[in-house]
Each structure stands twice: as C-alpha cells, then as structure tokens.
Amino acid sequence: MAEICVIGGTRFFGKLLVRRLLDEGHRVTLVTRGRTADPFGPAVRRLTADVGRPGELAAAVAGERFDAVVHQACYTPAAALDACTAFGERAGRFVLTSSMEVYNTDTFRHRTPAPPLSAFAREDELRPEEYAYDTDLPWHDLDFVGRNYGEGKRQAEAALVRHAEVPVTVARVAHVLAATDDFTGRLRFHLDRARAGEPVTAHARPGRTSLVHAPDVAGFLARAATTGLPGVVNVASPDTADVYDVCAAVERATGKATTVVEKDDPAGDPALSPYSCPADFGMDAGRALALGVDLAPIARWLPEIARIAAESDKPETTETTETTQKPGKPGKPEESA
C-alpha cells in the first residue's frame, strides 16, 4: 500500500486515476482548490491549495510525506519549481501529466526554437533536461498561460526534471477520449452535429493524429506512481486516426451520416473538428509499448465509446448553457485541475 498525492483528480481521467489507486488499495490524498466536488467520500484525504499561487502548495503539504505525487495541474515552470520546493525529498517520485502539445512546432514562440521533430515524435526528440525555461515570462497571467499552453508544459517539464529531488516521470498524453464525463466536449461536438445533420469542417487533406482512451491514461499514471517508470513516456494508442475515423465511429453510433467539408483555411470556422490537423501530428508510442504499458488500439475502443456516448448524451438545444462551451482544440489541457 502506497501513500499517493494527486494534485487535481476531480474530473475526467483524474477521477479514473484516483478510483484506480483506491481499488488497488493505496491511500490517496487529493490537493485541489476545493471548488469541484469529487465522488470519493471518506475514501480520500483532502488538502486545499491553489497551485497557481506561490507558497500555497507548500503550506498545504507541510510535514506530509508521500511515496509519489501525481501532478495533474502543472502548466508552468513556476508551478513546477513551487512543487519541487513544497515536497523536496518527501515526494518519493513525481509523475507529471504533460501533453502531446509539447511537440507542436507552432507553439515554440519564445527564445528556444523548435528542434527537428517527426510527424509522430519520439520522446528523445525533445529532452526536458536540455530545454530552457524562463520564470520571468508572465506565467501569473492566466490568459498568457492559456495562449502558451504548449510552451508552458515544455518549460514545466524542464524545470521539474532539473530541480526535483526525487525521480521524475513525464507522461506526454495524446488527445484523450472517454464515453462519459469528458469536459472537453470534443466527442459531443461530433455527436451533436451528426444528430442535427450539420457538416463538419476539416483541413484540406487532413492529417492523422494520436488519441488515447481515458482508462489507459489512468492506468499508466497509476503504474508510474506505484512502480515507477523512467523518464519521458508518450502515452498514446499505438495506431492513429483522423477526422474521418471519428466521424465514421459517430455515424455507426448514431445511424446518422456526417458530411466532412475540407477547406484550405478553416481557421475560425465553428464547424471545424477538434480532431482535424493540417498535417500529420502525433506521437510514437513505441517506448511505452516496450515498457509493457497497456495501450489499446483506437480501432478497439473508439466505436464503443462513441456508442456509449450516443446512448447517454442527450442532444443539446439552443436553450442549454452547455452550448456556450466550445469543444477543446487539439492539444489543450485534458488533465484534471
């Protein structure tokens, strides 16, 4: 039985992670801002801290000792350094939930240029220990953090790997899908358009990308926290998909065909699929598979989660407040906060 601290863990695959850890018999402490209810009742301990505010995490975990800390809400180098200070050697190991967006060459906007990256990048093409971070950038500005999500994650990786007093696992996570409880709204976007008979926009000759099933992400994070997995690991299904694959799964689930309209410049189009890429963009999952990580092929789970989502998700109307939530763009944060 291990003592695991999960920073975040109140939504999406963060909840799956906590449930898995509890089912395996581990003791879990959640650190959150205290704004989002969780379903775990007395099964978990709870500490309150806003990790975006310097010093709050250190105050919350003062005197605590854990076998592992899974950081689901680390978006900046400042937050990474704050976590290093807060836990010191009392963390056992760190597991950082990062993102495929770190490989997006369009997001290298500051002093470090993008290195040569494959369309389906390997971990060693972007090494955190060699990447520069800059705490003088305005990471306190949430708008800046949102606009620079990929850069923030790269710099968070770099700061944590350099300064943590314990071993670090960096989980670079692909676009995560789940049948239910998916706050990103990406799959629901496709379901709603299919039901309404509305077309989906895609880039001209859209590229393929990496996806991963939410339970597989939770499984990886739990394994990394409890048994240790070294270094950086791409967490993605071994196969790839494009917007046509997603639409086909939704069509089978709803019985309604979706027309895909390709455009040379679809920027700003509200019908643009969140799974459309202008070119191939994803991750090579070879290292994870070599480590024995359980990552199911997309072809195995996508049709099933589309079916479950179609059965459980009611069509939206213009009166529901949910329509004000735009589906997440590829690479935006999917971890719990």
Protein backbone atom coordinates (compact mmCIF):
# COMPACT_ATOMS: atom_id res chain seq x y z
CA MET A 1 0.00 0.00 0.00
CA ALA A 2 1.41 3.34 -1.06
CA GLU A 3 0.68 6.90 0.01
CA ILE A 4 -0.13 8.81 -3.19
CA CYS A 5 -0.77 12.53 -3.52
CA VAL A 6 -2.80 13.55 -6.56
CA ILE A 7 -2.82 17.26 -7.38
CA GLY A 8 -6.08 17.68 -9.28
CA GLY A 9 -8.06 14.48 -9.72
CA THR A 10 -11.61 15.83 -9.62
CA ARG A 11 -12.61 15.44 -13.26
CA PHE A 12 -12.09 13.42 -16.45
CA PHE A 13 -9.27 10.87 -16.31
CA GLY A 14 -8.08 12.33 -12.99
CA LYS A 15 -11.11 10.73 -11.35
CA LEU A 16 -10.34 7.45 -13.09
CA LEU A 17 -6.80 7.62 -11.72
CA VAL A 18 -7.98 8.18 -8.15
CA ARG A 19 -10.54 5.38 -8.41
CA ARG A 20 -7.91 3.01 -9.76
CA LEU A 21 -5.48 3.83 -6.97
CA LEU A 22 -8.19 3.28 -4.37
CA ASP A 23 -9.24 -0.01 -5.96
CA GLU A 24 -5.61 -1.16 -5.80
CA GLY A 25 -5.61 -0.47 -2.06
CA HIS A 26 -3.49 2.69 -1.97
CA ARG A 27 -4.12 5.67 0.29
CA VAL A 28 -4.86 8.82 -1.70
CA THR A 29 -4.60 12.45 -0.72
CA LEU A 30 -6.20 14.97 -3.10
CA VAL A 31 -4.86 18.50 -3.38
CA THR A 32 -7.35 20.82 -5.10
CA ARG A 33 -8.65 24.35 -4.90
CA GLY A 34 -11.72 22.96 -3.17
CA ARG A 35 -14.10 24.26 -5.83
CA THR A 36 -15.11 20.99 -7.51
CA ALA A 37 -16.84 18.18 -5.65
CA ASP A 38 -15.45 14.68 -6.00
CA PRO A 39 -17.23 11.33 -5.68
CA PHE A 40 -14.81 9.65 -3.28
CA GLY A 41 -16.35 10.49 0.08
CA PRO A 42 -14.28 9.38 3.10
CA ALA A 43 -12.04 7.17 0.91
CA VAL A 44 -9.59 10.05 0.31
CA ARG A 45 -7.92 12.77 2.34
CA ARG A 46 -8.27 16.32 1.04
CA LEU A 47 -5.94 19.28 1.20
CA THR A 48 -6.72 22.70 -0.26
CA ALA A 49 -4.30 24.78 -2.30
CA ASP A 50 -4.30 26.83 -5.48
CA VAL A 51 -1.09 25.61 -7.15
CA GLY A 52 -1.09 28.75 -9.30
CA ARG A 53 -0.37 30.85 -6.21
CA PRO A 54 3.21 30.64 -4.94
CA GLY A 55 3.53 29.12 -1.50
CA GLU A 56 0.01 27.69 -1.17
CA LEU A 57 1.07 24.17 -2.08
CA ALA A 58 3.99 24.25 0.37
CA ALA A 59 1.70 25.39 3.15
CA ALA A 60 -0.85 22.67 2.37
CA VAL A 61 1.64 19.77 2.34
CA ALA A 62 3.96 20.95 5.10
CA GLY A 63 5.05 17.93 7.12
CA GLU A 64 3.43 15.45 4.71
CA ARG A 65 5.36 12.58 3.14
CA PHE A 66 4.24 10.56 0.11
CA ASP A 67 5.52 7.64 -1.91
CA ALA A 68 4.56 9.52 -5.08
CA VAL A 69 3.00 12.77 -6.24
CA VAL A 70 0.97 12.86 -9.46
CA HIS A 71 0.77 16.48 -10.64
CA GLN A 72 -2.27 16.93 -12.87
CA ALA A 73 -2.28 20.73 -12.80
CA CYS A 74 1.26 21.86 -13.59
CA TYR A 75 1.13 24.27 -16.54
CA THR A 76 4.17 26.49 -15.95
CA PRO A 77 7.79 26.34 -14.82
CA ALA A 78 6.82 28.45 -11.83
CA ALA A 79 4.32 25.80 -10.72
CA ALA A 80 6.92 23.07 -11.26
CA LEU A 81 9.52 24.87 -9.15
CA ASP A 82 6.91 25.53 -6.48
CA ALA A 83 6.15 21.79 -6.34
CA CYS A 84 9.85 20.97 -6.02
CA THR A 85 10.12 23.36 -3.08
CA ALA A 86 6.88 22.19 -1.47
CA PHE A 87 7.77 18.47 -1.41
CA GLY A 88 11.56 18.34 -1.53
CA GLU A 89 12.60 14.74 -0.96
CA ARG A 90 9.26 13.95 0.70
CA ALA A 91 7.58 13.06 -2.62
CA GLY A 92 9.20 9.68 -3.30
CA ARG A 93 8.77 10.33 -7.02
CA PHE A 94 6.99 12.86 -9.22
CA VAL A 95 4.67 11.96 -12.08
CA LEU A 96 3.94 14.97 -14.28
CA THR A 97 0.94 14.87 -16.60
CA SER A 98 2.14 16.66 -19.72
CA SER A 99 0.75 16.82 -23.24
CA MET A 100 1.33 15.94 -26.87
CA GLU A 101 1.15 19.68 -27.48
CA VAL A 102 4.79 20.00 -26.42
CA TYR A 103 5.66 18.62 -29.88
CA ASN A 104 3.57 21.22 -31.72
CA THR A 105 6.09 23.33 -33.64
CA ASP A 106 3.59 26.20 -33.91
CA THR A 107 3.85 26.73 -30.14
CA PHE A 108 7.59 27.47 -29.91
CA ARG A 109 7.15 31.24 -29.61
CA HIS A 110 9.87 32.27 -27.19
CA ARG A 111 13.64 32.12 -27.08
CA THR A 112 14.04 28.39 -27.80
CA PRO A 113 13.31 27.43 -31.43
CA ALA A 114 11.62 24.16 -32.30
CA PRO A 115 14.03 21.27 -32.80
CA PRO A 116 13.59 18.93 -35.76
CA LEU A 117 10.52 16.86 -34.87
CA SER A 118 8.99 13.89 -36.64
CA ALA A 119 5.31 13.95 -37.55
CA PHE A 120 4.89 11.24 -34.92
CA ALA A 121 7.53 12.35 -32.47
CA ARG A 122 9.64 10.20 -30.19
CA GLU A 123 10.47 11.20 -26.63
CA ASP A 124 14.15 11.70 -27.34
CA GLU A 125 13.41 14.35 -29.96
CA LEU A 126 12.52 16.80 -27.17
CA ARG A 127 14.54 16.35 -23.97
CA PRO A 128 13.32 18.29 -20.90
CA GLU A 129 16.80 18.39 -19.40
CA GLU A 130 18.04 20.28 -22.47
CA TYR A 131 15.12 22.71 -22.81
CA ALA A 132 15.36 26.24 -21.41
CA TYR A 133 12.75 27.62 -19.05
CA ASP A 134 12.09 31.24 -18.16
CA THR A 135 10.36 32.23 -14.94
CA ASP A 136 10.45 35.90 -15.97
CA LEU A 137 7.69 35.33 -18.51
CA PRO A 138 4.23 36.39 -17.22
CA TRP A 139 3.15 32.92 -16.04
CA HIS A 140 0.97 34.60 -13.41
CA ASP A 141 -1.30 35.82 -16.24
CA LEU A 142 -3.89 33.11 -16.93
CA ASP A 143 -4.56 34.46 -20.42
CA PHE A 144 -0.85 34.18 -21.21
CA VAL A 145 -0.77 30.63 -19.83
CA GLY A 146 -3.76 29.67 -21.95
CA ARG A 147 -2.25 31.12 -25.12
CA ASN A 148 1.07 29.41 -24.42
CA TYR A 149 -0.11 26.03 -23.20
CA GLY A 150 2.46 24.00 -25.15
CA GLU A 151 5.33 26.27 -24.11
CA GLY A 152 4.18 26.21 -20.50
CA LYS A 153 4.16 22.43 -20.48
CA ARG A 154 7.62 22.23 -22.07
CA GLN A 155 9.03 24.62 -19.51
CA ALA A 156 7.24 22.85 -16.64
CA GLU A 157 8.86 19.58 -17.74
CA ALA A 158 12.28 21.25 -17.93
CA ALA A 159 12.02 22.88 -14.51
CA LEU A 160 10.76 19.75 -12.77
CA VAL A 161 13.33 17.42 -14.31
CA ARG A 162 16.18 19.78 -13.37
CA HIS A 163 15.14 20.62 -9.82
CA ALA A 164 13.14 17.72 -8.37
CA GLU A 165 14.96 15.94 -5.54
CA VAL A 166 13.27 12.66 -6.48
CA PRO A 167 12.89 10.66 -9.71
CA VAL A 168 10.51 12.16 -12.30
CA THR A 169 8.23 10.52 -14.84
CA VAL A 170 6.85 12.80 -17.56
CA ALA A 171 3.67 11.48 -19.19
CA ARG A 172 3.09 13.18 -22.56
CA VAL A 173 -0.55 12.41 -23.14
CA ALA A 174 -2.32 12.32 -26.51
CA HIS A 175 -5.86 13.59 -27.17
CA VAL A 176 -7.90 11.78 -24.51
CA LEU A 177 -11.36 10.37 -25.25
CA ALA A 178 -13.94 8.87 -22.94
CA ALA A 179 -17.56 7.82 -23.32
CA THR A 180 -18.77 9.94 -20.39
CA ASP A 181 -17.56 12.71 -18.09
CA ASP A 182 -15.49 14.31 -20.86
CA PHE A 183 -15.35 18.02 -20.03
CA THR A 184 -13.56 18.85 -23.30
CA GLY A 185 -16.77 18.42 -25.32
CA ARG A 186 -14.84 17.13 -28.36
CA LEU A 187 -16.74 13.91 -28.93
CA ARG A 188 -20.02 15.58 -28.04
CA PHE A 189 -19.30 18.18 -30.73
CA HIS A 190 -19.36 15.40 -33.34
CA LEU A 191 -22.42 13.72 -31.85
CA ASP A 192 -24.37 16.97 -31.84
CA ARG A 193 -23.52 17.80 -35.44
CA ALA A 194 -24.44 14.30 -36.60
CA ARG A 195 -27.79 14.45 -34.85
CA ALA A 196 -28.51 17.88 -36.32
CA GLY A 197 -27.48 16.80 -39.81
CA GLU A 198 -24.82 19.50 -39.88
CA PRO A 199 -21.49 19.08 -41.69
CA VAL A 200 -18.09 19.00 -40.02
CA THR A 201 -15.24 21.12 -41.36
CA ALA A 202 -11.73 19.74 -41.77
CA HIS A 203 -8.44 20.95 -43.12
CA ALA A 204 -7.75 20.12 -46.75
CA ARG A 205 -6.31 16.59 -46.80
CA PRO A 206 -6.41 16.40 -43.00
CA GLY A 207 -3.57 14.70 -41.23
CA ARG A 208 -3.68 11.82 -38.79
CA THR A 209 -3.17 12.26 -35.06
CA SER A 210 -2.70 10.37 -31.80
CA LEU A 211 -5.56 9.51 -29.48
CA VAL A 212 -5.75 7.57 -26.23
CA HIS A 213 -8.54 6.04 -24.16
CA ALA A 214 -9.03 7.71 -20.76
CA PRO A 215 -8.77 4.46 -18.73
CA ASP A 216 -5.41 3.73 -20.35
CA VAL A 217 -4.10 7.13 -19.24
CA ALA A 218 -5.28 6.46 -15.69
CA GLY A 219 -3.65 3.05 -15.80
CA PHE A 220 -0.33 4.49 -16.94
CA LEU A 221 -0.32 7.22 -14.28
CA ALA A 222 -1.19 4.71 -11.55
CA ARG A 223 1.60 2.39 -12.65
CA ALA A 224 4.09 5.24 -12.85
CA ALA A 225 3.15 6.36 -9.34
CA THR A 226 3.26 2.94 -7.71
CA THR A 227 6.01 1.06 -9.54
CA GLY A 228 8.00 3.77 -11.26
CA LEU A 229 8.57 4.24 -14.97
CA PRO A 230 11.69 6.09 -16.06
CA GLY A 231 11.94 9.40 -17.86
CA VAL A 232 9.60 10.71 -20.53
CA VAL A 233 6.89 8.45 -21.96
CA ASN A 234 4.44 9.16 -24.80
CA VAL A 235 1.03 7.89 -23.70
CA ALA A 236 -0.95 7.19 -26.88
CA SER A 237 -2.69 4.35 -28.62
CA PRO A 238 -0.33 2.53 -30.99
CA ASP A 239 -2.41 3.40 -34.07
CA THR A 240 -3.59 6.79 -35.34
CA ALA A 241 -6.84 8.38 -36.51
CA ASP A 242 -8.15 11.32 -38.49
CA VAL A 243 -11.38 13.29 -38.57
CA TYR A 244 -12.92 10.77 -40.96
CA ASP A 245 -12.32 7.95 -38.49
CA VAL A 246 -14.04 9.88 -35.71
CA CYS A 247 -16.97 10.75 -37.96
CA ALA A 248 -17.30 7.12 -39.04
CA ALA A 249 -17.48 5.97 -35.41
CA VAL A 250 -20.10 8.60 -34.65
CA GLU A 251 -22.09 7.64 -37.76
CA ARG A 252 -22.20 4.00 -36.66
CA ALA A 253 -23.23 5.05 -33.15
CA THR A 254 -25.99 7.45 -34.18
CA GLY A 255 -27.11 6.00 -37.50
CA LYS A 256 -26.71 9.47 -38.99
CA ALA A 257 -24.16 10.29 -41.67
CA THR A 258 -21.82 13.24 -41.27
CA THR A 259 -20.57 15.22 -44.24
CA VAL A 260 -16.94 16.38 -43.95
CA VAL A 261 -16.18 19.61 -45.79
CA GLU A 262 -12.47 20.18 -46.39
CA LYS A 263 -11.18 23.75 -46.54
CA ASP A 264 -7.76 25.16 -47.33
CA ASP A 265 -8.06 27.65 -44.47
CA PRO A 266 -10.68 26.60 -41.90
CA ALA A 267 -9.36 28.84 -39.11
CA GLY A 268 -12.22 30.35 -37.14
CA ASP A 269 -14.84 28.04 -38.63
CA PRO A 270 -17.14 26.97 -35.75
CA ALA A 271 -17.73 23.67 -37.53
CA LEU A 272 -14.02 22.79 -37.55
CA SER A 273 -13.48 19.38 -35.99
CA PRO A 274 -11.25 19.44 -32.90
CA TYR A 275 -9.61 16.32 -34.36
CA SER A 276 -8.70 17.91 -37.68
CA CYS A 277 -4.99 18.61 -38.23
CA PRO A 278 -3.47 20.43 -41.22
CA ALA A 279 -0.82 17.67 -41.39
CA ASP A 280 0.09 14.51 -39.54
CA PHE A 281 0.74 15.37 -35.88
CA GLY A 282 1.13 12.88 -33.08
CA MET A 283 3.43 10.72 -31.02
CA ASP A 284 5.29 7.46 -31.40
CA ALA A 285 4.10 5.07 -28.66
CA GLY A 286 6.95 2.61 -29.17
CA ARG A 287 8.69 3.31 -25.87
CA ALA A 288 5.50 2.87 -23.83
CA LEU A 289 4.77 -0.42 -25.55
CA ALA A 290 8.35 -1.60 -24.93
CA LEU A 291 7.83 -0.85 -21.24
CA GLY A 292 4.76 -3.06 -21.25
CA VAL A 293 2.24 -0.23 -20.89
CA ASP A 294 -1.30 -1.30 -21.75
CA LEU A 295 -2.44 0.99 -24.58
CA ALA A 296 -5.38 -0.33 -26.58
CA PRO A 297 -5.61 0.43 -30.33
CA ILE A 298 -8.05 3.18 -31.31
CA ALA A 299 -9.88 0.74 -33.55
CA ARG A 300 -10.73 -1.32 -30.48
CA TRP A 301 -12.20 1.38 -28.25
CA LEU A 302 -13.36 4.33 -30.40
CA PRO A 303 -16.52 2.70 -31.84
CA GLU A 304 -17.57 1.50 -28.39
CA ILE A 305 -17.16 4.83 -26.60
CA ALA A 306 -19.00 6.58 -29.44
CA ARG A 307 -21.87 4.12 -28.98
CA ILE A 308 -21.98 4.62 -25.20
CA ALA A 309 -21.73 8.40 -25.53
CA ALA A 310 -24.52 8.45 -28.12
CA GLU A 311 -26.79 6.47 -25.81
CA SER A 312 -26.04 8.50 -22.70
CA ASP A 313 -25.64 12.01 -24.09
CA LYS A 314 -28.88 13.81 -24.89
CA PRO A 315 -28.98 16.21 -27.84
CA GLU A 316 -28.36 19.82 -26.91
CA THR A 317 -30.79 22.64 -27.64
CA THR A 318 -30.22 26.35 -28.04
CA GLU A 319 -31.56 26.86 -24.53
CA THR A 320 -28.89 24.84 -22.72
CA THR A 321 -25.91 26.64 -21.23
CA GLU A 322 -23.71 23.80 -22.49
CA THR A 323 -23.73 25.37 -25.95
CA THR A 324 -21.55 28.16 -24.59
CA GLN A 325 -18.75 25.63 -24.03
CA LYS A 326 -16.72 25.30 -27.19
CA PRO A 327 -15.05 21.95 -27.78
CA GLY A 328 -11.40 21.85 -26.80
CA LYS A 329 -8.82 22.30 -29.50
CA PRO A 330 -6.24 19.59 -30.12
CA GLY A 331 -3.55 19.68 -27.50
CA LYS A 332 -5.42 21.80 -24.95
CA PRO A 333 -5.19 20.62 -21.33
CA GLU A 334 -7.02 17.42 -20.60
CA GLU A 335 -5.75 16.75 -17.14
CA SER A 336 -7.78 17.44 -14.03
CA ALA A 337 -7.48 20.77 -12.31
